[in-house]
Amino acid sequence: MMHAIVDVVDTPHGPFTMLADDDGAVLGAGWNTTVDDVVARVHVQLRPSGVTAGRVHAAEAVRAYYGGDIAAPGRVQVRQHGTDLQNAGWQRLRDVAPGQTKTYAEFADELGQDPGAVRAVAAVCARNAVALFVPCHRVLRADGSLGGFAWGLEVKRALLAHENAPGFVSLF
């Protein structure tokens, strides 16, 4: 197993913790999480044997995102391990432009799944270990409501508002 570096950036939505490998690829990331929580989301085949606090290059992209460059996280290298559907889904999510959204049914269709297979594609989003860098927050229910998000619906709503994303229904 490899060693990884962890870095934390303060954001308006709480601390954002990132775990990166020696090549700088982000293995895990999320808000209001402990290092152990982030490590636990990383697939066992990529999970590091040790973690050291340090500087992760991706932290600059997070700061840039919150500073207004909403495309910055999409330029960060990530590394995840999953099924063929998960890998295809995570790549497809990176193609969703900042400020844009899609429904779970549209996402399913793009992945060659029956548009009714929303649970399967929702699971792709749920297993995403590198939040923000693979923007699963941009997938919504057919009625424009938020659906789920591992770091809370308040964070998902705030991210979409920050990106000025049309097509979602804010209930607050």
N, C-alpha and C. Protein backbone atom coordinates (compact mmCIF):
# COMPACT_ATOMS: atom_id res chain seq x y z
N MET A 1 0.83 -1.18 0.00
CA MET A 1 0.00 0.00 0.00
C MET A 1 0.88 1.25 0.00
N MET A 2 0.35 2.29 -0.55
CA MET A 2 1.08 3.54 -0.66
C MET A 2 0.85 4.44 0.55
N HIS A 3 1.57 5.49 0.58
CA HIS A 3 1.41 6.52 1.59
C HIS A 3 0.63 7.67 0.94
N ALA A 4 -0.11 8.46 1.71
CA ALA A 4 -0.87 9.57 1.17
C ALA A 4 -0.67 10.81 2.03
N ILE A 5 -1.01 11.94 1.43
CA ILE A 5 -0.92 13.23 2.11
C ILE A 5 -2.33 13.76 2.29
N VAL A 6 -2.59 14.32 3.46
CA VAL A 6 -3.90 14.91 3.73
C VAL A 6 -3.74 16.41 3.93
N ASP A 7 -4.70 17.15 3.42
CA ASP A 7 -4.71 18.61 3.56
C ASP A 7 -6.16 19.02 3.80
N VAL A 8 -6.34 20.09 4.55
CA VAL A 8 -7.67 20.58 4.88
C VAL A 8 -7.75 22.06 4.53
N VAL A 9 -8.82 22.44 3.82
CA VAL A 9 -9.07 23.83 3.45
C VAL A 9 -10.35 24.26 4.14
N ASP A 10 -10.32 25.40 4.79
CA ASP A 10 -11.54 25.96 5.36
C ASP A 10 -12.39 26.53 4.24
N THR A 11 -13.66 26.17 4.21
CA THR A 11 -14.59 26.67 3.20
C THR A 11 -15.84 27.21 3.90
N PRO A 12 -16.68 27.92 3.18
CA PRO A 12 -17.94 28.38 3.77
C PRO A 12 -18.85 27.23 4.22
N HIS A 13 -18.58 26.03 3.74
CA HIS A 13 -19.40 24.86 4.07
C HIS A 13 -18.72 23.95 5.08
N GLY A 14 -17.68 24.45 5.71
CA GLY A 14 -16.95 23.67 6.69
C GLY A 14 -15.62 23.22 6.12
N PRO A 15 -14.82 22.56 6.96
CA PRO A 15 -13.51 22.07 6.50
C PRO A 15 -13.68 21.09 5.35
N PHE A 16 -12.85 21.25 4.33
CA PHE A 16 -12.84 20.35 3.18
C PHE A 16 -11.54 19.58 3.23
N THR A 17 -11.64 18.27 3.47
CA THR A 17 -10.48 17.40 3.65
C THR A 17 -10.17 16.67 2.36
N MET A 18 -8.90 16.68 1.95
CA MET A 18 -8.45 16.01 0.73
C MET A 18 -7.32 15.05 1.05
N LEU A 19 -7.34 13.92 0.40
CA LEU A 19 -6.31 12.90 0.52
C LEU A 19 -5.74 12.68 -0.87
N ALA A 20 -4.42 12.81 -1.02
CA ALA A 20 -3.80 12.66 -2.33
C ALA A 20 -2.63 11.68 -2.27
N ASP A 21 -2.39 11.01 -3.40
CA ASP A 21 -1.25 10.10 -3.47
C ASP A 21 0.02 10.87 -3.80
N ASP A 22 1.12 10.15 -3.92
CA ASP A 22 2.42 10.78 -4.17
C ASP A 22 2.48 11.52 -5.51
N ASP A 23 1.61 11.12 -6.45
CA ASP A 23 1.57 11.79 -7.75
C ASP A 23 0.67 13.02 -7.73
N GLY A 24 0.03 13.28 -6.60
CA GLY A 24 -0.87 14.43 -6.49
C GLY A 24 -2.31 14.15 -6.85
N ALA A 25 -2.62 12.93 -7.27
CA ALA A 25 -4.00 12.59 -7.61
C ALA A 25 -4.83 12.49 -6.33
N VAL A 26 -6.00 13.10 -6.36
CA VAL A 26 -6.88 13.07 -5.21
C VAL A 26 -7.56 11.71 -5.14
N LEU A 27 -7.45 11.07 -3.98
CA LEU A 27 -8.05 9.76 -3.73
C LEU A 27 -9.37 9.86 -2.97
N GLY A 28 -9.50 10.91 -2.17
CA GLY A 28 -10.70 11.09 -1.35
C GLY A 28 -10.82 12.55 -0.96
N ALA A 29 -12.07 13.02 -0.83
CA ALA A 29 -12.30 14.40 -0.44
C ALA A 29 -13.74 14.57 0.02
N GLY A 30 -13.94 15.50 0.96
CA GLY A 30 -15.29 15.81 1.42
C GLY A 30 -15.29 16.87 2.50
N TRP A 31 -16.48 17.36 2.79
CA TRP A 31 -16.67 18.43 3.78
C TRP A 31 -16.94 17.85 5.15
N ASN A 32 -16.50 18.58 6.16
CA ASN A 32 -16.80 18.24 7.56
C ASN A 32 -16.51 16.77 7.86
N THR A 33 -15.43 16.29 7.35
CA THR A 33 -15.07 14.89 7.55
C THR A 33 -13.73 14.80 8.27
N THR A 34 -13.56 13.71 8.95
CA THR A 34 -12.26 13.45 9.56
C THR A 34 -11.38 12.75 8.52
N VAL A 35 -10.11 12.71 8.79
CA VAL A 35 -9.20 12.00 7.90
C VAL A 35 -9.64 10.54 7.78
N ASP A 36 -10.01 9.93 8.90
CA ASP A 36 -10.46 8.54 8.86
C ASP A 36 -11.69 8.36 7.98
N ASP A 37 -12.61 9.33 8.02
CA ASP A 37 -13.80 9.25 7.16
C ASP A 37 -13.43 9.31 5.69
N VAL A 38 -12.50 10.19 5.35
CA VAL A 38 -12.07 10.32 3.96
C VAL A 38 -11.37 9.04 3.52
N VAL A 39 -10.48 8.53 4.34
CA VAL A 39 -9.77 7.28 4.01
C VAL A 39 -10.77 6.14 3.83
N ALA A 40 -11.78 6.07 4.66
CA ALA A 40 -12.78 5.00 4.58
C ALA A 40 -13.56 5.03 3.27
N ARG A 41 -13.71 6.19 2.64
CA ARG A 41 -14.43 6.29 1.37
C ARG A 41 -13.58 5.84 0.18
N VAL A 42 -12.28 5.78 0.36
CA VAL A 42 -11.37 5.36 -0.71
C VAL A 42 -11.48 3.84 -0.87
N HIS A 43 -11.55 3.40 -2.12
CA HIS A 43 -11.63 1.95 -2.39
C HIS A 43 -10.43 1.24 -1.76
N VAL A 44 -10.65 0.04 -1.26
CA VAL A 44 -9.60 -0.69 -0.55
C VAL A 44 -8.34 -0.88 -1.39
N GLN A 45 -8.48 -0.99 -2.71
CA GLN A 45 -7.30 -1.17 -3.56
C GLN A 45 -6.45 0.09 -3.67
N LEU A 46 -7.02 1.24 -3.30
CA LEU A 46 -6.28 2.50 -3.36
C LEU A 46 -6.03 3.09 -1.97
N ARG A 47 -6.58 2.45 -0.97
CA ARG A 47 -6.47 2.99 0.40
C ARG A 47 -5.02 2.98 0.85
N PRO A 48 -4.54 4.12 1.36
CA PRO A 48 -3.14 4.20 1.77
C PRO A 48 -2.87 3.47 3.08
N SER A 49 -1.63 3.07 3.24
CA SER A 49 -1.22 2.41 4.48
C SER A 49 -0.87 3.42 5.55
N GLY A 50 -0.59 4.63 5.14
CA GLY A 50 -0.27 5.70 6.08
C GLY A 50 -0.65 7.04 5.50
N VAL A 51 -0.90 8.00 6.39
CA VAL A 51 -1.30 9.34 5.99
C VAL A 51 -0.48 10.36 6.76
N THR A 52 0.01 11.36 6.06
CA THR A 52 0.78 12.44 6.67
C THR A 52 0.14 13.77 6.29
N ALA A 53 0.05 14.68 7.24
CA ALA A 53 -0.45 16.02 6.94
C ALA A 53 0.57 16.76 6.09
N GLY A 54 0.08 17.50 5.11
CA GLY A 54 0.96 18.26 4.24
C GLY A 54 0.17 19.09 3.26
N ARG A 55 0.85 19.56 2.26
CA ARG A 55 0.20 20.37 1.23
C ARG A 55 -0.18 19.48 0.05
N VAL A 56 -1.44 19.59 -0.33
CA VAL A 56 -1.96 18.89 -1.50
C VAL A 56 -2.21 19.93 -2.57
N HIS A 57 -1.69 19.71 -3.75
CA HIS A 57 -1.83 20.66 -4.85
C HIS A 57 -3.30 21.01 -5.11
N ALA A 58 -4.19 20.05 -4.95
CA ALA A 58 -5.62 20.25 -5.21
C ALA A 58 -6.23 21.31 -4.30
N ALA A 59 -5.58 21.60 -3.18
CA ALA A 59 -6.10 22.62 -2.26
C ALA A 59 -6.21 23.96 -2.97
N GLU A 60 -5.29 24.25 -3.88
CA GLU A 60 -5.36 25.52 -4.62
C GLU A 60 -6.60 25.57 -5.50
N ALA A 61 -6.98 24.43 -6.06
CA ALA A 61 -8.19 24.39 -6.89
C ALA A 61 -9.44 24.61 -6.03
N VAL A 62 -9.44 24.11 -4.81
CA VAL A 62 -10.57 24.32 -3.92
C VAL A 62 -10.67 25.81 -3.56
N ARG A 63 -9.55 26.41 -3.23
CA ARG A 63 -9.55 27.85 -2.93
C ARG A 63 -10.00 28.66 -4.15
N ALA A 64 -9.54 28.28 -5.33
CA ALA A 64 -9.94 28.97 -6.56
C ALA A 64 -11.44 28.82 -6.80
N TYR A 65 -11.97 27.62 -6.56
CA TYR A 65 -13.41 27.38 -6.73
C TYR A 65 -14.20 28.34 -5.86
N TYR A 66 -13.85 28.40 -4.60
CA TYR A 66 -14.58 29.28 -3.69
C TYR A 66 -14.30 30.75 -3.97
N GLY A 67 -13.22 31.03 -4.67
CA GLY A 67 -12.90 32.39 -5.07
C GLY A 67 -13.57 32.81 -6.38
N GLY A 68 -14.28 31.89 -7.01
CA GLY A 68 -15.02 32.23 -8.23
C GLY A 68 -14.65 31.43 -9.47
N ASP A 69 -13.53 30.70 -9.46
CA ASP A 69 -13.15 29.87 -10.62
C ASP A 69 -13.80 28.51 -10.44
N ILE A 70 -15.09 28.42 -10.79
CA ILE A 70 -15.84 27.19 -10.50
C ILE A 70 -15.42 26.01 -11.37
N ALA A 71 -14.58 26.25 -12.36
CA ALA A 71 -14.07 25.15 -13.18
C ALA A 71 -12.78 24.55 -12.62
N ALA A 72 -12.16 25.19 -11.65
CA ALA A 72 -10.86 24.75 -11.14
C ALA A 72 -10.83 23.30 -10.67
N PRO A 73 -11.81 22.79 -9.93
CA PRO A 73 -11.73 21.39 -9.47
C PRO A 73 -11.71 20.38 -10.62
N GLY A 74 -12.30 20.73 -11.74
CA GLY A 74 -12.32 19.82 -12.89
C GLY A 74 -10.96 19.62 -13.54
N ARG A 75 -10.00 20.45 -13.18
CA ARG A 75 -8.65 20.34 -13.74
C ARG A 75 -7.71 19.54 -12.84
N VAL A 76 -8.23 19.04 -11.74
CA VAL A 76 -7.43 18.29 -10.78
C VAL A 76 -7.46 16.80 -11.14
N GLN A 77 -6.30 16.17 -11.07
CA GLN A 77 -6.22 14.72 -11.32
C GLN A 77 -6.82 13.98 -10.14
N VAL A 78 -7.64 12.98 -10.44
CA VAL A 78 -8.22 12.13 -9.41
C VAL A 78 -7.91 10.67 -9.72
N ARG A 79 -8.02 9.84 -8.71
CA ARG A 79 -7.83 8.41 -8.90
C ARG A 79 -8.88 7.69 -8.05
N GLN A 80 -9.74 6.91 -8.73
CA GLN A 80 -10.74 6.09 -8.05
C GLN A 80 -10.70 4.70 -8.66
N HIS A 81 -11.25 3.77 -7.93
CA HIS A 81 -11.33 2.39 -8.42
C HIS A 81 -12.76 1.93 -8.24
N GLY A 82 -13.34 1.38 -9.29
CA GLY A 82 -14.71 0.91 -9.19
C GLY A 82 -15.07 -0.04 -10.31
N THR A 83 -16.35 -0.33 -10.42
CA THR A 83 -16.85 -1.17 -11.49
C THR A 83 -16.78 -0.39 -12.80
N ASP A 84 -17.03 -1.07 -13.91
CA ASP A 84 -17.04 -0.37 -15.19
C ASP A 84 -18.08 0.75 -15.19
N LEU A 85 -19.26 0.49 -14.64
CA LEU A 85 -20.31 1.50 -14.58
C LEU A 85 -19.88 2.68 -13.71
N GLN A 86 -19.28 2.40 -12.57
CA GLN A 86 -18.82 3.48 -11.70
C GLN A 86 -17.75 4.32 -12.39
N ASN A 87 -16.76 3.67 -12.98
CA ASN A 87 -15.68 4.40 -13.66
C ASN A 87 -16.22 5.26 -14.79
N ALA A 88 -17.13 4.70 -15.59
CA ALA A 88 -17.74 5.47 -16.68
C ALA A 88 -18.56 6.63 -16.11
N GLY A 89 -19.28 6.37 -15.05
CA GLY A 89 -20.10 7.41 -14.44
C GLY A 89 -19.26 8.55 -13.88
N TRP A 90 -18.19 8.22 -13.18
CA TRP A 90 -17.34 9.26 -12.61
C TRP A 90 -16.71 10.10 -13.72
N GLN A 91 -16.33 9.46 -14.81
CA GLN A 91 -15.77 10.23 -15.93
C GLN A 91 -16.84 11.12 -16.54
N ARG A 92 -18.03 10.59 -16.71
CA ARG A 92 -19.14 11.36 -17.29
C ARG A 92 -19.50 12.56 -16.39
N LEU A 93 -19.45 12.36 -15.08
CA LEU A 93 -19.73 13.47 -14.16
C LEU A 93 -18.74 14.61 -14.34
N ARG A 94 -17.50 14.27 -14.64
CA ARG A 94 -16.49 15.32 -14.85
C ARG A 94 -16.78 16.12 -16.10
N ASP A 95 -17.62 15.58 -16.98
CA ASP A 95 -17.99 16.29 -18.21
C ASP A 95 -19.16 17.26 -17.99
N VAL A 96 -19.81 17.19 -16.84
CA VAL A 96 -20.91 18.12 -16.56
C VAL A 96 -20.29 19.46 -16.20
N ALA A 97 -20.53 20.43 -17.03
CA ALA A 97 -19.90 21.75 -16.87
C ALA A 97 -20.39 22.44 -15.60
N PRO A 98 -19.52 23.20 -14.98
CA PRO A 98 -19.95 23.99 -13.82
C PRO A 98 -21.15 24.86 -14.19
N GLY A 99 -22.10 24.92 -13.29
CA GLY A 99 -23.31 25.69 -13.54
C GLY A 99 -24.38 24.92 -14.28
N GLN A 100 -24.08 23.69 -14.67
CA GLN A 100 -25.05 22.84 -15.36
C GLN A 100 -25.47 21.71 -14.44
N THR A 101 -26.63 21.16 -14.70
CA THR A 101 -27.10 20.00 -13.94
C THR A 101 -27.66 18.98 -14.92
N LYS A 102 -27.89 17.79 -14.41
CA LYS A 102 -28.60 16.76 -15.17
C LYS A 102 -29.41 15.95 -14.18
N THR A 103 -30.42 15.28 -14.69
CA THR A 103 -31.23 14.44 -13.82
C THR A 103 -30.61 13.05 -13.74
N TYR A 104 -31.03 12.31 -12.73
CA TYR A 104 -30.57 10.93 -12.61
C TYR A 104 -30.97 10.14 -13.84
N ALA A 105 -32.15 10.40 -14.41
CA ALA A 105 -32.59 9.68 -15.61
C ALA A 105 -31.70 10.03 -16.80
N GLU A 106 -31.35 11.30 -16.97
CA GLU A 106 -30.44 11.70 -18.06
C GLU A 106 -29.07 11.05 -17.87
N PHE A 107 -28.61 11.03 -16.63
CA PHE A 107 -27.32 10.42 -16.31
C PHE A 107 -27.35 8.93 -16.65
N ALA A 108 -28.43 8.26 -16.29
CA ALA A 108 -28.58 6.83 -16.61
C ALA A 108 -28.54 6.61 -18.12
N ASP A 109 -29.27 7.42 -18.86
CA ASP A 109 -29.31 7.30 -20.32
C ASP A 109 -27.92 7.49 -20.92
N GLU A 110 -27.17 8.47 -20.43
CA GLU A 110 -25.82 8.72 -20.94
C GLU A 110 -24.88 7.54 -20.67
N LEU A 111 -25.17 6.79 -19.62
CA LEU A 111 -24.34 5.64 -19.29
C LEU A 111 -24.84 4.35 -19.93
N GLY A 112 -25.82 4.47 -20.82
CA GLY A 112 -26.35 3.30 -21.51
C GLY A 112 -27.28 2.46 -20.66
N GLN A 113 -27.77 3.05 -19.59
CA GLN A 113 -28.69 2.35 -18.69
C GLN A 113 -30.11 2.79 -19.03
N ASP A 114 -31.06 1.98 -18.67
CA ASP A 114 -32.46 2.37 -18.80
C ASP A 114 -32.67 3.62 -17.96
N PRO A 115 -33.34 4.65 -18.50
CA PRO A 115 -33.56 5.87 -17.72
C PRO A 115 -34.27 5.62 -16.39
N GLY A 116 -34.92 4.47 -16.26
CA GLY A 116 -35.55 4.12 -14.99
C GLY A 116 -34.57 3.56 -13.97
N ALA A 117 -33.33 3.37 -14.38
CA ALA A 117 -32.32 2.79 -13.49
C ALA A 117 -31.67 3.86 -12.63
N VAL A 118 -32.50 4.73 -12.06
CA VAL A 118 -31.94 5.84 -11.30
C VAL A 118 -31.22 5.39 -10.04
N ARG A 119 -31.64 4.28 -9.46
CA ARG A 119 -30.94 3.80 -8.26
C ARG A 119 -29.52 3.38 -8.57
N ALA A 120 -29.33 2.76 -9.72
CA ALA A 120 -27.97 2.32 -10.10
C ALA A 120 -27.06 3.52 -10.28
N VAL A 121 -27.55 4.57 -10.95
CA VAL A 121 -26.69 5.73 -11.16
C VAL A 121 -26.59 6.59 -9.90
N ALA A 122 -27.60 6.55 -9.06
CA ALA A 122 -27.50 7.24 -7.77
C ALA A 122 -26.40 6.59 -6.93
N ALA A 123 -26.26 5.27 -7.06
CA ALA A 123 -25.19 4.56 -6.33
C ALA A 123 -23.82 4.97 -6.85
N VAL A 124 -23.70 5.28 -8.14
CA VAL A 124 -22.43 5.78 -8.69
C VAL A 124 -22.08 7.09 -7.99
N CYS A 125 -23.06 7.96 -7.85
CA CYS A 125 -22.82 9.23 -7.16
C CYS A 125 -22.47 8.98 -5.69
N ALA A 126 -23.19 8.09 -5.05
CA ALA A 126 -22.97 7.83 -3.63
C ALA A 126 -21.59 7.25 -3.36
N ARG A 127 -21.02 6.52 -4.30
CA ARG A 127 -19.71 5.90 -4.12
C ARG A 127 -18.56 6.80 -4.55
N ASN A 128 -18.88 7.99 -5.02
CA ASN A 128 -17.86 8.93 -5.43
C ASN A 128 -17.06 9.37 -4.21
N ALA A 129 -15.79 9.06 -4.20
CA ALA A 129 -14.94 9.37 -3.04
C ALA A 129 -14.29 10.74 -3.14
N VAL A 130 -14.39 11.39 -4.30
CA VAL A 130 -13.66 12.64 -4.51
C VAL A 130 -14.63 13.80 -4.81
N ALA A 131 -15.45 14.09 -3.84
CA ALA A 131 -16.44 15.16 -3.98
C ALA A 131 -15.79 16.44 -4.47
N LEU A 132 -16.53 17.23 -5.16
CA LEU A 132 -16.16 18.48 -5.79
C LEU A 132 -15.32 18.25 -7.04
N PHE A 133 -14.33 17.37 -6.99
CA PHE A 133 -13.48 17.09 -8.14
C PHE A 133 -14.21 16.23 -9.17
N VAL A 134 -15.08 15.36 -8.72
CA VAL A 134 -16.04 14.63 -9.55
C VAL A 134 -17.39 15.13 -9.05
N PRO A 135 -18.01 16.06 -9.79
CA PRO A 135 -19.13 16.84 -9.27
C PRO A 135 -20.48 16.12 -9.25
N CYS A 136 -20.60 15.16 -8.37
CA CYS A 136 -21.87 14.43 -8.24
C CYS A 136 -22.99 15.33 -7.72
N HIS A 137 -22.63 16.47 -7.15
CA HIS A 137 -23.65 17.40 -6.67
C HIS A 137 -24.47 18.00 -7.82
N ARG A 138 -24.05 17.83 -9.05
CA ARG A 138 -24.75 18.38 -10.20
C ARG A 138 -25.83 17.46 -10.76
N VAL A 139 -26.09 16.35 -10.08
CA VAL A 139 -27.14 15.42 -10.50
C VAL A 139 -28.34 15.60 -9.58
N LEU A 140 -29.51 15.80 -10.20
CA LEU A 140 -30.73 16.11 -9.47
C LEU A 140 -31.85 15.13 -9.81
N ARG A 141 -32.88 15.15 -8.99
CA ARG A 141 -34.08 14.38 -9.29
C ARG A 141 -34.80 14.99 -10.49
N ALA A 142 -35.68 14.21 -11.09
CA ALA A 142 -36.42 14.65 -12.28
C ALA A 142 -37.21 15.92 -12.03
N ASP A 143 -37.68 16.13 -10.81
CA ASP A 143 -38.47 17.33 -10.50
C ASP A 143 -37.61 18.53 -10.14
N GLY A 144 -36.29 18.39 -10.25
CA GLY A 144 -35.38 19.47 -9.95
C GLY A 144 -34.97 19.56 -8.50
N SER A 145 -35.51 18.68 -7.65
CA SER A 145 -35.11 18.70 -6.25
C SER A 145 -33.76 18.01 -6.10
N LEU A 146 -33.16 18.19 -4.95
CA LEU A 146 -31.76 17.83 -4.76
C LEU A 146 -31.45 16.34 -4.73
N GLY A 147 -32.31 15.51 -4.23
CA GLY A 147 -31.96 14.11 -4.04
C GLY A 147 -31.05 13.99 -2.83
N GLY A 148 -30.07 13.13 -2.89
CA GLY A 148 -29.16 12.93 -1.76
C GLY A 148 -27.79 13.54 -2.00
N PHE A 149 -27.02 13.60 -0.92
CA PHE A 149 -25.63 14.06 -1.00
C PHE A 149 -24.95 13.66 0.29
N ALA A 150 -23.83 13.00 0.19
CA ALA A 150 -23.16 12.44 1.36
C ALA A 150 -22.79 13.49 2.40
N TRP A 151 -22.60 14.73 1.98
CA TRP A 151 -22.17 15.78 2.91
C TRP A 151 -23.30 16.72 3.28
N GLY A 152 -24.52 16.30 2.97
CA GLY A 152 -25.70 17.06 3.38
C GLY A 152 -26.30 17.89 2.26
N LEU A 153 -27.60 17.99 2.29
CA LEU A 153 -28.30 18.74 1.26
C LEU A 153 -28.00 20.23 1.32
N GLU A 154 -27.67 20.74 2.51
CA GLU A 154 -27.33 22.15 2.62
C GLU A 154 -26.08 22.46 1.81
N VAL A 155 -25.10 21.56 1.86
CA VAL A 155 -23.86 21.76 1.09
C VAL A 155 -24.17 21.64 -0.41
N LYS A 156 -24.95 20.65 -0.80
CA LYS A 156 -25.29 20.48 -2.21
C LYS A 156 -26.01 21.72 -2.74
N ARG A 157 -26.98 22.21 -2.00
CA ARG A 157 -27.73 23.40 -2.39
C ARG A 157 -26.78 24.60 -2.53
N ALA A 158 -25.89 24.76 -1.57
CA ALA A 158 -24.96 25.89 -1.59
C ALA A 158 -23.99 25.80 -2.77
N LEU A 159 -23.53 24.59 -3.10
CA LEU A 159 -22.63 24.43 -4.24
C LEU A 159 -23.34 24.81 -5.54
N LEU A 160 -24.57 24.35 -5.71
CA LEU A 160 -25.32 24.67 -6.92
C LEU A 160 -25.61 26.17 -6.99
N ALA A 161 -25.91 26.78 -5.87
CA ALA A 161 -26.14 28.23 -5.85
C ALA A 161 -24.84 28.97 -6.20
N HIS A 162 -23.72 28.50 -5.65
CA HIS A 162 -22.41 29.12 -5.94
C HIS A 162 -22.10 29.05 -7.43
N GLU A 163 -22.51 27.96 -8.06
CA GLU A 163 -22.27 27.76 -9.49
C GLU A 163 -23.36 28.40 -10.35
N ASN A 164 -24.36 29.00 -9.72
CA ASN A 164 -25.51 29.57 -10.43
C ASN A 164 -26.15 28.55 -11.36
N ALA A 165 -26.31 27.34 -10.85
CA ALA A 165 -26.85 26.25 -11.66
C ALA A 165 -28.36 26.40 -11.82
N PRO A 166 -28.83 26.47 -13.07
CA PRO A 166 -30.27 26.49 -13.29
C PRO A 166 -30.82 25.08 -13.18
N GLY A 167 -32.11 24.95 -13.07
CA GLY A 167 -32.73 23.64 -13.15
C GLY A 167 -32.90 22.92 -11.85
N PHE A 168 -32.48 23.49 -10.74
CA PHE A 168 -32.74 22.82 -9.48
C PHE A 168 -33.72 23.66 -8.69
N VAL A 169 -34.52 23.00 -7.91
CA VAL A 169 -35.55 23.65 -7.12
C VAL A 169 -35.03 23.81 -5.72
N SER A 170 -34.83 25.05 -5.30
CA SER A 170 -34.42 25.30 -3.94
C SER A 170 -35.66 25.45 -3.08
N LEU A 171 -35.80 24.60 -2.10
CA LEU A 171 -36.97 24.63 -1.24
C LEU A 171 -36.81 25.63 -0.10
N PHE A 172 -35.66 26.30 -0.04
CA PHE A 172 -35.42 27.26 1.05
C PHE A 172 -35.07 28.61 0.49
